[in-house]
Amino acid sequence: MESKIENISTIGINKSKNTIKGVLISIITTLILLCIFSGILAYTDVPESTITPVIMIITAISILIGSTIGNHKIQKNGILNGGIVGATYMIILYLISSILSGNYALNITSIILIIVGIVFGILGGIIAVNQK
């Protein structure tokens, strides 16, 4: 009986590590891509109207990469694990941006970004499970 309990707790710890690893990779990827994009904005004539769509694309790509790398050792439940990575990343992003701006309201752009984050997390989890 004790081996089953130890096995379940080990699985839970591994899932938590995968989630944390995926979120950290997503955050690092986001920061790198945002620095590149800010350089492009500063030194070229790219219009500022591209900021919102590019941020959505950067977020989606970062979550996809983080979810795929974070969950590459799992054998099943890629949808769930990837969705957790995407949702955790989006919660952290929402809290940080809300604290910095002082605005905790959700608008349509925020809702779309949250949905995109979770969907791309799920896709990353599916890719991770199906890699050989």
N, C-alpha and C. Protein backbone atom coordinates (compact mmCIF):
# COMPACT_ATOMS: atom_id res chain seq x y z
N MET A 1 0.82 -1.19 0.00
CA MET A 1 0.00 0.00 0.00
C MET A 1 0.86 1.26 0.00
N GLU A 2 1.96 1.21 0.77
CA GLU A 2 2.82 2.38 0.84
C GLU A 2 3.48 2.69 -0.50
N SER A 3 3.79 1.66 -1.29
CA SER A 3 4.42 1.90 -2.58
C SER A 3 3.47 2.61 -3.54
N LYS A 4 2.16 2.33 -3.44
CA LYS A 4 1.19 3.03 -4.27
C LYS A 4 1.13 4.51 -3.90
N ILE A 5 1.15 4.78 -2.59
CA ILE A 5 1.11 6.18 -2.14
C ILE A 5 2.37 6.91 -2.58
N GLU A 6 3.51 6.27 -2.44
CA GLU A 6 4.77 6.89 -2.88
C GLU A 6 4.76 7.10 -4.39
N ASN A 7 4.20 6.15 -5.14
CA ASN A 7 4.13 6.26 -6.59
C ASN A 7 3.23 7.42 -7.00
N ILE A 8 2.09 7.58 -6.33
CA ILE A 8 1.17 8.68 -6.64
C ILE A 8 1.81 10.02 -6.33
N SER A 9 2.50 10.12 -5.19
CA SER A 9 3.13 11.39 -4.84
C SER A 9 4.28 11.72 -5.79
N THR A 10 5.00 10.70 -6.26
CA THR A 10 6.07 10.92 -7.23
C THR A 10 5.50 11.44 -8.54
N ILE A 11 4.39 10.88 -8.98
CA ILE A 11 3.74 11.34 -10.20
C ILE A 11 3.30 12.79 -10.05
N GLY A 12 2.73 13.13 -8.89
CA GLY A 12 2.29 14.51 -8.65
C GLY A 12 3.45 15.49 -8.66
N ILE A 13 4.56 15.10 -8.07
CA ILE A 13 5.75 15.96 -8.05
C ILE A 13 6.28 16.15 -9.47
N ASN A 14 6.32 15.07 -10.25
CA ASN A 14 6.81 15.17 -11.63
C ASN A 14 5.92 16.06 -12.48
N LYS A 15 4.60 15.98 -12.29
CA LYS A 15 3.69 16.85 -13.05
C LYS A 15 3.90 18.30 -12.66
N SER A 16 4.12 18.55 -11.36
CA SER A 16 4.38 19.92 -10.91
C SER A 16 5.69 20.44 -11.50
N LYS A 17 6.70 19.60 -11.54
CA LYS A 17 7.98 20.00 -12.13
C LYS A 17 7.81 20.31 -13.61
N ASN A 18 7.04 19.47 -14.31
CA ASN A 18 6.79 19.71 -15.73
C ASN A 18 6.08 21.04 -15.94
N THR A 19 5.10 21.33 -15.10
CA THR A 19 4.35 22.58 -15.23
C THR A 19 5.26 23.78 -14.97
N ILE A 20 6.02 23.72 -13.89
CA ILE A 20 6.92 24.83 -13.55
C ILE A 20 7.97 25.02 -14.64
N LYS A 21 8.53 23.92 -15.11
CA LYS A 21 9.53 23.99 -16.18
C LYS A 21 8.93 24.61 -17.44
N GLY A 22 7.73 24.17 -17.81
CA GLY A 22 7.07 24.70 -19.00
C GLY A 22 6.77 26.19 -18.88
N VAL A 23 6.29 26.60 -17.70
CA VAL A 23 5.98 28.03 -17.49
C VAL A 23 7.25 28.87 -17.52
N LEU A 24 8.31 28.39 -16.88
CA LEU A 24 9.57 29.15 -16.88
C LEU A 24 10.15 29.28 -18.29
N ILE A 25 10.11 28.20 -19.05
CA ILE A 25 10.59 28.26 -20.43
C ILE A 25 9.74 29.24 -21.23
N SER A 26 8.43 29.23 -21.01
CA SER A 26 7.54 30.16 -21.71
C SER A 26 7.86 31.61 -21.37
N ILE A 27 8.09 31.87 -20.10
CA ILE A 27 8.40 33.24 -19.67
C ILE A 27 9.73 33.70 -20.27
N ILE A 28 10.74 32.85 -20.21
CA ILE A 28 12.04 33.22 -20.78
C ILE A 28 11.94 33.46 -22.28
N THR A 29 11.22 32.58 -22.98
CA THR A 29 11.03 32.75 -24.42
C THR A 29 10.30 34.05 -24.72
N THR A 30 9.27 34.35 -23.93
CA THR A 30 8.53 35.60 -24.11
C THR A 30 9.44 36.81 -23.94
N LEU A 31 10.24 36.81 -22.89
CA LEU A 31 11.13 37.95 -22.65
C LEU A 31 12.13 38.14 -23.79
N ILE A 32 12.68 37.05 -24.29
CA ILE A 32 13.64 37.14 -25.40
C ILE A 32 12.95 37.70 -26.65
N LEU A 33 11.79 37.14 -26.98
CA LEU A 33 11.08 37.59 -28.19
C LEU A 33 10.58 39.03 -28.06
N LEU A 34 10.17 39.43 -26.85
CA LEU A 34 9.73 40.81 -26.66
C LEU A 34 10.90 41.79 -26.78
N CYS A 35 12.07 41.39 -26.31
CA CYS A 35 13.26 42.25 -26.47
C CYS A 35 13.60 42.41 -27.94
N ILE A 36 13.52 41.34 -28.69
CA ILE A 36 13.77 41.42 -30.14
C ILE A 36 12.74 42.33 -30.80
N PHE A 37 11.48 42.17 -30.44
CA PHE A 37 10.42 42.98 -31.04
C PHE A 37 10.55 44.45 -30.65
N SER A 38 10.95 44.71 -29.41
CA SER A 38 11.13 46.12 -29.00
C SER A 38 12.28 46.77 -29.77
N GLY A 39 13.33 46.00 -30.06
CA GLY A 39 14.41 46.52 -30.89
C GLY A 39 13.94 46.83 -32.29
N ILE A 40 13.12 45.94 -32.83
CA ILE A 40 12.55 46.17 -34.17
C ILE A 40 11.70 47.43 -34.17
N LEU A 41 10.88 47.60 -33.13
CA LEU A 41 10.03 48.80 -33.04
C LEU A 41 10.86 50.08 -32.92
N ALA A 42 11.95 49.99 -32.16
CA ALA A 42 12.77 51.18 -31.91
C ALA A 42 13.57 51.61 -33.14
N TYR A 43 14.02 50.65 -33.94
CA TYR A 43 14.95 50.98 -35.01
C TYR A 43 14.38 50.87 -36.42
N THR A 44 13.10 50.60 -36.54
CA THR A 44 12.47 50.53 -37.86
C THR A 44 11.20 51.35 -37.86
N ASP A 45 10.55 51.38 -38.98
CA ASP A 45 9.32 52.14 -39.12
C ASP A 45 8.07 51.26 -38.96
N VAL A 46 8.17 50.18 -38.19
CA VAL A 46 7.02 49.31 -37.97
C VAL A 46 5.98 50.09 -37.18
N PRO A 47 4.74 50.12 -37.66
CA PRO A 47 3.71 50.90 -36.95
C PRO A 47 3.36 50.29 -35.59
N GLU A 48 2.98 51.15 -34.66
CA GLU A 48 2.63 50.70 -33.33
C GLU A 48 1.34 49.88 -33.32
N SER A 49 0.58 49.92 -34.38
CA SER A 49 -0.66 49.15 -34.45
C SER A 49 -0.38 47.64 -34.51
N THR A 50 0.86 47.27 -34.75
CA THR A 50 1.22 45.85 -34.80
C THR A 50 1.52 45.28 -33.42
N ILE A 51 1.56 46.13 -32.40
CA ILE A 51 1.98 45.67 -31.07
C ILE A 51 1.06 44.57 -30.53
N THR A 52 -0.24 44.80 -30.51
CA THR A 52 -1.16 43.81 -29.93
C THR A 52 -1.13 42.47 -30.66
N PRO A 53 -1.23 42.44 -32.00
CA PRO A 53 -1.16 41.13 -32.66
C PRO A 53 0.18 40.42 -32.47
N VAL A 54 1.27 41.17 -32.47
CA VAL A 54 2.59 40.55 -32.29
C VAL A 54 2.73 40.01 -30.88
N ILE A 55 2.21 40.70 -29.89
CA ILE A 55 2.26 40.21 -28.51
C ILE A 55 1.45 38.92 -28.38
N MET A 56 0.31 38.85 -29.05
CA MET A 56 -0.48 37.61 -29.03
C MET A 56 0.30 36.46 -29.68
N ILE A 57 0.95 36.74 -30.79
CA ILE A 57 1.73 35.71 -31.49
C ILE A 57 2.91 35.27 -30.62
N ILE A 58 3.61 36.23 -30.01
CA ILE A 58 4.74 35.91 -29.15
C ILE A 58 4.29 35.06 -27.96
N THR A 59 3.17 35.43 -27.37
CA THR A 59 2.64 34.66 -26.24
C THR A 59 2.30 33.24 -26.66
N ALA A 60 1.62 33.10 -27.80
CA ALA A 60 1.23 31.77 -28.28
C ALA A 60 2.46 30.90 -28.57
N ILE A 61 3.44 31.46 -29.26
CA ILE A 61 4.66 30.71 -29.59
C ILE A 61 5.41 30.32 -28.31
N SER A 62 5.49 31.23 -27.35
CA SER A 62 6.20 30.95 -26.11
C SER A 62 5.53 29.83 -25.32
N ILE A 63 4.21 29.87 -25.24
CA ILE A 63 3.49 28.83 -24.52
C ILE A 63 3.62 27.49 -25.24
N LEU A 64 3.55 27.51 -26.56
CA LEU A 64 3.70 26.27 -27.34
C LEU A 64 5.06 25.64 -27.08
N ILE A 65 6.10 26.46 -27.12
CA ILE A 65 7.46 25.97 -26.88
C ILE A 65 7.60 25.47 -25.44
N GLY A 66 7.15 26.27 -24.48
CA GLY A 66 7.26 25.88 -23.07
C GLY A 66 6.48 24.63 -22.74
N SER A 67 5.28 24.52 -23.26
CA SER A 67 4.46 23.35 -23.00
C SER A 67 5.05 22.10 -23.64
N THR A 68 5.58 22.23 -24.84
CA THR A 68 6.18 21.08 -25.52
C THR A 68 7.43 20.61 -24.78
N ILE A 69 8.31 21.53 -24.44
CA ILE A 69 9.55 21.15 -23.75
C ILE A 69 9.27 20.69 -22.32
N GLY A 70 8.37 21.38 -21.64
CA GLY A 70 8.06 21.03 -20.25
C GLY A 70 7.41 19.67 -20.10
N ASN A 71 6.69 19.23 -21.10
CA ASN A 71 5.96 17.98 -21.01
C ASN A 71 6.53 16.88 -21.91
N HIS A 72 7.74 17.02 -22.37
CA HIS A 72 8.27 16.06 -23.34
C HIS A 72 8.49 14.66 -22.76
N LYS A 73 8.55 14.50 -21.46
CA LYS A 73 8.78 13.18 -20.86
C LYS A 73 7.49 12.45 -20.51
N ILE A 74 6.36 13.11 -20.63
CA ILE A 74 5.12 12.46 -20.23
C ILE A 74 4.65 11.48 -21.29
N GLN A 75 3.86 10.51 -20.87
CA GLN A 75 3.36 9.48 -21.78
C GLN A 75 1.89 9.69 -22.13
N LYS A 76 1.15 10.37 -21.27
CA LYS A 76 -0.29 10.55 -21.51
C LYS A 76 -0.74 11.86 -20.87
N ASN A 77 -2.00 12.20 -21.11
CA ASN A 77 -2.62 13.43 -20.58
C ASN A 77 -1.94 14.70 -21.07
N GLY A 78 -1.52 14.71 -22.31
CA GLY A 78 -0.88 15.89 -22.88
C GLY A 78 -1.82 17.08 -22.94
N ILE A 79 -3.08 16.81 -23.22
CA ILE A 79 -4.06 17.91 -23.27
C ILE A 79 -4.17 18.58 -21.91
N LEU A 80 -4.31 17.79 -20.87
CA LEU A 80 -4.46 18.33 -19.52
C LEU A 80 -3.19 19.05 -19.07
N ASN A 81 -2.05 18.39 -19.20
CA ASN A 81 -0.79 18.99 -18.75
C ASN A 81 -0.44 20.25 -19.55
N GLY A 82 -0.66 20.22 -20.85
CA GLY A 82 -0.41 21.41 -21.67
C GLY A 82 -1.35 22.54 -21.32
N GLY A 83 -2.61 22.20 -21.09
CA GLY A 83 -3.58 23.23 -20.69
C GLY A 83 -3.22 23.86 -19.36
N ILE A 84 -2.69 23.06 -18.45
CA ILE A 84 -2.27 23.60 -17.15
C ILE A 84 -1.10 24.55 -17.32
N VAL A 85 -0.15 24.20 -18.19
CA VAL A 85 0.99 25.11 -18.45
C VAL A 85 0.47 26.43 -19.03
N GLY A 86 -0.40 26.34 -20.04
CA GLY A 86 -0.94 27.55 -20.66
C GLY A 86 -1.74 28.39 -19.68
N ALA A 87 -2.59 27.75 -18.89
CA ALA A 87 -3.41 28.48 -17.93
C ALA A 87 -2.56 29.12 -16.83
N THR A 88 -1.56 28.38 -16.34
CA THR A 88 -0.69 28.92 -15.30
C THR A 88 0.08 30.13 -15.81
N TYR A 89 0.61 30.02 -17.02
CA TYR A 89 1.33 31.14 -17.63
C TYR A 89 0.39 32.36 -17.74
N MET A 90 -0.82 32.13 -18.21
CA MET A 90 -1.74 33.24 -18.41
C MET A 90 -2.16 33.88 -17.08
N ILE A 91 -2.33 33.07 -16.04
CA ILE A 91 -2.67 33.62 -14.72
C ILE A 91 -1.53 34.49 -14.22
N ILE A 92 -0.31 34.01 -14.35
CA ILE A 92 0.85 34.80 -13.91
C ILE A 92 0.94 36.09 -14.72
N LEU A 93 0.78 35.99 -16.02
CA LEU A 93 0.84 37.17 -16.88
C LEU A 93 -0.26 38.17 -16.53
N TYR A 94 -1.46 37.68 -16.30
CA TYR A 94 -2.58 38.56 -15.94
C TYR A 94 -2.32 39.25 -14.61
N LEU A 95 -1.84 38.50 -13.61
CA LEU A 95 -1.59 39.10 -12.30
C LEU A 95 -0.49 40.16 -12.36
N ILE A 96 0.59 39.85 -13.06
CA ILE A 96 1.69 40.81 -13.17
C ILE A 96 1.24 42.07 -13.90
N SER A 97 0.55 41.91 -15.03
CA SER A 97 0.12 43.08 -15.79
C SER A 97 -0.94 43.88 -15.03
N SER A 98 -1.79 43.20 -14.28
CA SER A 98 -2.81 43.91 -13.51
C SER A 98 -2.18 44.69 -12.37
N ILE A 99 -1.20 44.10 -11.71
CA ILE A 99 -0.52 44.81 -10.62
C ILE A 99 0.23 46.02 -11.15
N LEU A 100 0.93 45.86 -12.27
CA LEU A 100 1.70 46.97 -12.83
C LEU A 100 0.82 48.09 -13.36
N SER A 101 -0.31 47.73 -13.97
CA SER A 101 -1.19 48.76 -14.54
C SER A 101 -2.21 49.26 -13.53
N GLY A 102 -2.48 48.51 -12.49
CA GLY A 102 -3.51 48.89 -11.52
C GLY A 102 -4.91 48.64 -12.02
N ASN A 103 -5.05 47.97 -13.14
CA ASN A 103 -6.34 47.70 -13.76
C ASN A 103 -6.58 46.19 -13.78
N TYR A 104 -7.56 45.73 -13.01
CA TYR A 104 -7.84 44.30 -12.93
C TYR A 104 -9.02 43.88 -13.80
N ALA A 105 -9.45 44.75 -14.68
CA ALA A 105 -10.59 44.45 -15.54
C ALA A 105 -10.16 43.57 -16.71
N LEU A 106 -11.09 42.73 -17.14
CA LEU A 106 -10.86 41.91 -18.33
C LEU A 106 -11.56 42.57 -19.51
N ASN A 107 -10.82 42.73 -20.60
CA ASN A 107 -11.44 43.22 -21.83
C ASN A 107 -11.38 42.11 -22.87
N ILE A 108 -11.88 42.37 -24.04
CA ILE A 108 -11.96 41.33 -25.07
C ILE A 108 -10.57 40.86 -25.49
N THR A 109 -9.61 41.76 -25.53
CA THR A 109 -8.24 41.38 -25.88
C THR A 109 -7.66 40.42 -24.85
N SER A 110 -7.91 40.70 -23.57
CA SER A 110 -7.41 39.82 -22.49
C SER A 110 -8.05 38.45 -22.57
N ILE A 111 -9.34 38.41 -22.83
CA ILE A 111 -10.04 37.13 -22.92
C ILE A 111 -9.52 36.31 -24.10
N ILE A 112 -9.32 36.97 -25.24
CA ILE A 112 -8.77 36.28 -26.41
C ILE A 112 -7.37 35.76 -26.10
N LEU A 113 -6.55 36.56 -25.44
CA LEU A 113 -5.20 36.15 -25.10
C LEU A 113 -5.20 34.95 -24.15
N ILE A 114 -6.11 34.93 -23.21
CA ILE A 114 -6.21 33.79 -22.29
C ILE A 114 -6.59 32.52 -23.04
N ILE A 115 -7.57 32.64 -23.93
CA ILE A 115 -8.00 31.48 -24.73
C ILE A 115 -6.85 30.99 -25.61
N VAL A 116 -6.18 31.92 -26.28
CA VAL A 116 -5.04 31.55 -27.13
C VAL A 116 -3.97 30.85 -26.30
N GLY A 117 -3.68 31.36 -25.11
CA GLY A 117 -2.67 30.75 -24.25
C GLY A 117 -3.01 29.33 -23.86
N ILE A 118 -4.24 29.10 -23.48
CA ILE A 118 -4.65 27.75 -23.08
C ILE A 118 -4.64 26.81 -24.28
N VAL A 119 -5.15 27.27 -25.43
CA VAL A 119 -5.19 26.43 -26.63
C VAL A 119 -3.77 26.05 -27.07
N PHE A 120 -2.86 27.00 -27.07
CA PHE A 120 -1.49 26.68 -27.49
C PHE A 120 -0.77 25.83 -26.44
N GLY A 121 -1.13 25.96 -25.17
CA GLY A 121 -0.61 25.05 -24.16
C GLY A 121 -1.06 23.63 -24.41
N ILE A 122 -2.34 23.49 -24.75
CA ILE A 122 -2.90 22.16 -25.07
C ILE A 122 -2.18 21.59 -26.30
N LEU A 123 -2.00 22.40 -27.33
CA LEU A 123 -1.29 21.93 -28.52
C LEU A 123 0.14 21.48 -28.18
N GLY A 124 0.82 22.24 -27.34
CA GLY A 124 2.16 21.86 -26.92
C GLY A 124 2.17 20.54 -26.16
N GLY A 125 1.16 20.34 -25.31
CA GLY A 125 1.05 19.07 -24.59
C GLY A 125 0.80 17.89 -25.52
N ILE A 126 -0.03 18.11 -26.52
CA ILE A 126 -0.31 17.06 -27.51
C ILE A 126 0.96 16.73 -28.30
N ILE A 127 1.69 17.75 -28.70
CA ILE A 127 2.95 17.53 -29.43
C ILE A 127 3.92 16.76 -28.55
N ALA A 128 4.02 17.14 -27.27
CA ALA A 128 4.97 16.49 -26.37
C ALA A 128 4.66 15.00 -26.19
N VAL A 129 3.39 14.67 -26.05
CA VAL A 129 3.01 13.27 -25.86
C VAL A 129 3.28 12.44 -27.10
N ASN A 130 3.14 13.04 -28.26
CA ASN A 130 3.29 12.30 -29.51
C ASN A 130 4.70 12.31 -30.08
N GLN A 131 5.64 12.93 -29.41
CA GLN A 131 7.03 12.89 -29.86
C GLN A 131 7.62 11.54 -29.51
N LYS A 132 8.48 11.06 -30.38
CA LYS A 132 9.12 9.76 -30.11
C LYS A 132 10.60 9.94 -29.90
